[in-house]
Protein backbone atom coordinates (compact mmCIF):
# COMPACT_ATOMS: atom_id res chain seq x y z
CA UNK A 1 -22.00 -18.71 51.24
CA UNK A 2 -23.24 -16.82 54.30
CA UNK A 3 -25.56 -13.94 53.33
CA UNK A 4 -24.33 -10.49 54.26
CA UNK A 5 -26.85 -8.04 55.75
CA UNK A 6 -26.33 -4.30 55.43
CA UNK A 7 -28.52 -1.47 56.70
CA UNK A 8 -28.82 1.69 54.63
CA UNK A 9 -30.04 5.17 55.42
CA UNK A 10 -33.53 4.42 54.15
CA UNK A 11 -36.24 2.33 55.85
CA UNK A 12 -35.71 -1.39 55.19
CA UNK A 13 -38.82 -1.49 52.99
CA UNK A 14 -37.16 0.96 50.61
CA UNK A 15 -33.75 -0.70 50.47
CA UNK A 16 -32.91 -2.42 47.16
CA UNK A 17 -31.57 -5.88 47.97
CA UNK A 18 -28.84 -7.22 45.69
CA UNK A 19 -26.92 -10.46 45.23
CA UNK A 20 -23.52 -10.10 43.54
CA UNK A 21 -22.38 -12.92 41.27
CA UNK A 22 -18.75 -12.41 40.26
CA UNK A 23 -15.78 -14.78 40.37
CA UNK A 24 -13.13 -12.11 41.05
CA UNK A 25 -13.05 -11.20 44.75
CA UNK A 26 -11.53 -7.75 44.25
CA UNK A 27 -14.18 -6.84 41.69
CA UNK A 28 -16.94 -8.00 44.04
CA UNK A 29 -15.48 -5.96 46.89
CA UNK A 30 -15.21 -2.80 44.80
CA UNK A 31 -18.70 -3.16 43.41
CA UNK A 32 -20.22 -3.91 46.82
CA UNK A 33 -18.54 -0.80 48.24
CA UNK A 34 -19.87 1.37 45.41
CA UNK A 35 -23.41 0.01 45.67
CA UNK A 36 -23.69 0.25 49.45
CA UNK A 37 -22.19 3.74 49.51
CA UNK A 38 -25.48 4.96 47.99
CA UNK A 39 -27.30 4.22 51.24
CA UNK A 40 -30.22 2.71 49.33
CA UNK A 41 -28.73 -0.59 48.13
CA UNK A 42 -27.91 -3.57 50.34
CA UNK A 43 -25.75 -6.45 49.11
CA UNK A 44 -27.37 -9.36 50.97
CA UNK A 45 -25.19 -12.15 49.53
CA UNK A 46 -22.37 -12.92 47.10
CA UNK A 47 -21.45 -15.88 44.91
CA UNK A 48 -18.38 -16.69 42.84
CA UNK A 49 -19.87 -19.29 40.48
CA UNK A 50 -23.11 -19.82 38.60
CA UNK A 51 -24.21 -22.99 40.37
CA UNK A 52 -24.05 -21.65 43.94
CA UNK A 53 -25.45 -18.33 42.69
CA UNK A 54 -28.64 -20.04 41.53
CA UNK A 55 -29.27 -21.54 44.97
CA UNK A 56 -28.46 -18.28 46.77
CA UNK A 57 -30.67 -16.12 44.56
CA UNK A 58 -33.63 -18.52 44.78
CA UNK A 59 -33.20 -18.56 48.56
CA UNK A 60 -32.63 -14.84 49.14
CA UNK A 61 -35.05 -13.60 46.46
CA UNK A 62 -33.26 -10.25 46.09
CA UNK A 63 -34.75 -7.40 44.09
CA UNK A 64 -31.72 -7.47 41.77
CA UNK A 65 -28.94 -9.91 40.88
CA UNK A 66 -25.78 -8.39 39.39
CA UNK A 67 -24.29 -11.18 37.30
CA UNK A 68 -21.02 -11.61 35.41
CA UNK A 69 -21.14 -13.63 32.18
CA UNK A 70 -17.85 -15.52 32.47
CA UNK A 71 -18.62 -17.57 35.57
CA UNK A 72 -17.25 -21.00 36.45
CA UNK A 73 -19.73 -23.85 36.69
CA UNK A 74 -22.54 -22.08 34.87
CA UNK A 75 -22.18 -18.90 32.85
CA UNK A 76 -24.19 -15.76 33.44
CA UNK A 77 -26.40 -16.18 30.38
CA UNK A 78 -27.42 -19.71 31.43
CA UNK A 79 -27.97 -18.52 35.00
CA UNK A 80 -30.19 -15.68 33.80
CA UNK A 81 -32.25 -18.05 31.68
CA UNK A 82 -32.76 -20.41 34.64
CA UNK A 83 -33.75 -17.59 37.00
CA UNK A 84 -36.32 -16.29 34.54
CA UNK A 85 -37.70 -19.78 33.88
CA UNK A 86 -38.14 -20.28 37.65
CA UNK A 87 -40.51 -17.32 37.70
CA UNK A 88 -38.45 -15.36 40.22
CA UNK A 89 -39.17 -11.64 40.46
CA UNK A 90 -35.45 -10.93 40.75
CA UNK A 91 -34.27 -8.54 38.06
CA UNK A 92 -30.94 -9.33 36.38
CA UNK A 93 -28.18 -6.84 35.65
CA UNK A 94 -25.38 -8.31 33.52
CA UNK A 95 -22.03 -6.82 34.59
CA UNK A 96 -19.15 -7.92 32.39
CA UNK A 97 -16.07 -6.96 30.41
CA UNK A 98 -17.66 -8.48 27.31
CA UNK A 99 -18.91 -6.06 24.66
CA UNK A 100 -19.29 -8.72 21.97
CA UNK A 101 -22.67 -8.20 20.23
CA UNK A 102 -23.39 -11.93 20.32
CA UNK A 103 -22.93 -12.05 24.09
CA UNK A 104 -25.01 -8.90 24.56
CA UNK A 105 -27.87 -10.30 22.51
CA UNK A 106 -27.62 -13.73 24.14
CA UNK A 107 -27.95 -12.14 27.58
CA UNK A 108 -30.94 -10.05 26.50
CA UNK A 109 -32.60 -13.06 24.88
CA UNK A 110 -32.13 -14.97 28.14
CA UNK A 111 -34.14 -12.27 29.91
CA UNK A 112 -31.52 -9.88 31.30
CA UNK A 113 -33.02 -6.54 32.30
CA UNK A 114 -29.79 -4.56 32.06
CA UNK A 115 -26.30 -4.89 30.60
CA UNK A 116 -23.33 -2.95 32.01
CA UNK A 117 -19.71 -2.97 30.92
CA UNK A 118 -17.10 -3.16 33.70
CA UNK A 119 -14.88 -0.56 32.06
CA UNK A 120 -17.64 2.05 32.47
CA UNK A 121 -17.93 4.24 35.57
CA UNK A 122 -19.38 2.48 38.66
CA UNK A 123 -22.30 4.90 38.50
CA UNK A 124 -23.48 2.96 35.45
CA UNK A 125 -24.23 -0.22 37.39
CA UNK A 126 -25.68 1.82 40.26
CA UNK A 127 -28.09 3.47 37.82
CA UNK A 128 -28.90 0.08 36.31
CA UNK A 129 -29.73 -1.43 39.69
CA UNK A 130 -31.99 1.49 40.59
CA UNK A 131 -33.79 1.45 37.24
CA UNK A 132 -34.41 -2.29 36.98
CA UNK A 133 -35.51 -2.43 40.63
CA UNK A 134 -38.20 0.06 39.62
CA UNK A 135 -39.29 -2.11 36.71
CA UNK A 136 -37.28 -0.46 33.94
CA UNK A 137 -34.61 -1.66 31.52
CA UNK A 138 -31.09 -0.30 31.26
CA UNK A 139 -28.27 -0.73 28.78
CA UNK A 140 -24.81 0.77 29.07
CA UNK A 141 -24.28 3.48 26.46
CA UNK A 142 -21.32 1.47 25.14
CA UNK A 143 -23.62 -1.32 23.93
CA UNK A 144 -27.07 0.29 23.78
CA UNK A 145 -26.95 0.76 20.02
CA UNK A 146 -26.08 -2.91 19.55
CA UNK A 147 -29.19 -3.89 21.47
CA UNK A 148 -31.51 -1.46 19.72
CA UNK A 149 -30.21 -2.09 16.21
CA UNK A 150 -30.49 -5.87 16.54
CA UNK A 151 -33.90 -5.94 18.22
CA UNK A 152 -35.38 -3.04 16.27
CA UNK A 153 -36.62 -3.46 12.69
CA UNK A 154 -35.19 -1.39 9.81
CA UNK A 155 -36.27 2.25 9.86
CA UNK A 156 -39.86 2.51 8.66
CA UNK A 157 -41.80 5.36 7.14
CA UNK A 158 -45.33 5.77 8.35
CA UNK A 159 -47.17 3.64 10.89
CA UNK A 160 -47.03 -0.15 10.93
CA UNK A 161 -49.69 -2.59 12.10
CA UNK A 162 -47.68 -3.28 15.28
CA UNK A 163 -48.28 0.26 16.52
CA UNK A 164 -52.06 -0.03 16.83
CA UNK A 165 -52.00 -0.10 20.65
CA UNK A 166 -49.12 2.31 21.02
CA UNK A 167 -49.67 5.33 23.29
CA UNK A 168 -47.40 7.36 21.00
CA UNK A 169 -48.46 9.59 18.14
CA UNK A 170 -47.25 8.82 14.58
CA UNK A 171 -44.66 11.63 14.86
CA UNK A 172 -43.44 10.37 18.24
CA UNK A 173 -43.07 6.89 16.74
CA UNK A 174 -40.97 8.36 13.93
CA UNK A 175 -38.72 10.02 16.49
CA UNK A 176 -38.47 6.84 18.56
CA UNK A 177 -37.58 4.73 15.52
CA UNK A 178 -34.71 7.09 14.82
CA UNK A 179 -33.61 6.89 18.45
CA UNK A 180 -33.65 3.09 18.19
CA UNK A 181 -31.46 3.41 15.10
CA UNK A 182 -28.87 5.34 17.14
CA UNK A 183 -29.59 8.77 15.65
CA UNK A 184 -28.86 11.88 17.75
CA UNK A 185 -31.27 14.74 18.39
CA UNK A 186 -29.71 17.13 15.86
CA UNK A 187 -29.85 14.57 13.05
CA UNK A 188 -33.40 13.58 14.00
CA UNK A 189 -34.42 17.20 13.48
CA UNK A 190 -32.65 17.33 10.11
CA UNK A 191 -34.19 14.07 8.89
CA UNK A 192 -37.72 15.02 9.97
CA UNK A 193 -37.23 18.70 9.07
CA UNK A 194 -38.24 19.93 12.51
CA UNK A 195 -36.51 22.24 14.99
CA UNK A 196 -34.20 20.84 17.66
CA UNK A 197 -36.53 22.23 20.34
CA UNK A 198 -39.41 20.31 18.76
CA UNK A 199 -37.34 17.12 18.81
CA UNK A 200 -36.62 17.60 22.50
CA UNK A 201 -40.29 18.23 23.15
CA UNK A 202 -41.24 14.98 21.41
CA UNK A 203 -38.62 13.08 23.41
CA UNK A 204 -39.95 14.56 26.66
CA UNK A 205 -43.46 13.37 25.74
CA UNK A 206 -42.15 9.94 24.71
CA UNK A 207 -40.37 9.46 28.04
CA UNK A 208 -43.49 10.51 29.90
CA UNK A 209 -45.81 8.19 27.95
CA UNK A 210 -43.41 5.25 28.16
CA UNK A 211 -42.60 5.89 31.85
CA UNK A 212 -38.94 5.80 30.87
CA UNK A 213 -35.98 7.57 32.46
CA UNK A 214 -33.99 8.00 29.25
CA UNK A 215 -34.04 7.53 25.46
CA UNK A 216 -32.58 4.03 25.58
CA UNK A 217 -35.10 2.73 28.09
CA UNK A 218 -37.96 4.21 26.05
CA UNK A 219 -36.76 2.50 22.88
CA UNK A 220 -36.20 -0.84 24.62
CA UNK A 221 -39.65 -0.73 26.19
CA UNK A 222 -41.24 0.13 22.84
CA UNK A 223 -39.40 -2.73 21.11
CA UNK A 224 -40.38 -5.23 23.80
CA UNK A 225 -44.03 -4.15 23.59
CA UNK A 226 -44.07 -4.34 19.80
CA UNK A 227 -44.66 -0.64 19.21
CA UNK A 228 -41.76 -0.42 16.75
C-alpha cells in the first residue's frame, strides 16, 4: 500500500507518525480524520490485514501503530508480538470492538502499550496515541480495571519485598494498590481513614513520581516495574 504523507501544524520533528491497521475502510477513514484533525498526528500509511501491516510498519517505522485485533491474515495480537520481537520502537495501540478480558490480557501480554474500545469517543484513541508516543501506557476506562485486576496481585497490607526500589512511600503504595483494585477516591479515604483531600494529595504525588498522566497509567507503570 502506498504510504500517505500528511503535514500538521507542528514542525515535522514534533509530528507523531502513525500507521493504521484496520480491515474496515470506513473505520480507517473516520479514525484517520480524527487523528489528523489534531494537527499533531500524521497517518503515514494504512493496512487492511496483519501480513501487509507487518511489512509496512517495519518499513515506515512509525512512532505508533493503531491495530485492530480481528484482522485477516494475521490477527492484531500476533502482529503486536512480532513487532515487539523485532525490536521496533513503534508503540502499539490496540483499537477494537472486543472487550473480552481474555483478548485484553492477550494483547497486553503480547506487548501492547494501549488498548482502546471502538465504542468509546474518538478522543480516547487520540489520547492513547499521544501518551504512548511519549513513552506512557494507556487503557480505555472501559477495560482498565480488567487489566489492573488481572496483572495486579491481591490487595496487600504493608510493604512487600517487591517495593524495595519503589520511589513511592508506604502510604502512597497503599493508595496505589487500591487504585489498581479499581477503588475510587472516596472509598480509598474511607478504607485508609484519611480525608478526601489527603487522598487527592497522595494521588498528585504518585502521578508526579511515576511520571504518569492519570491514575491508570500510574498503576500500570507500577505493576510493570514490580512496585506492587
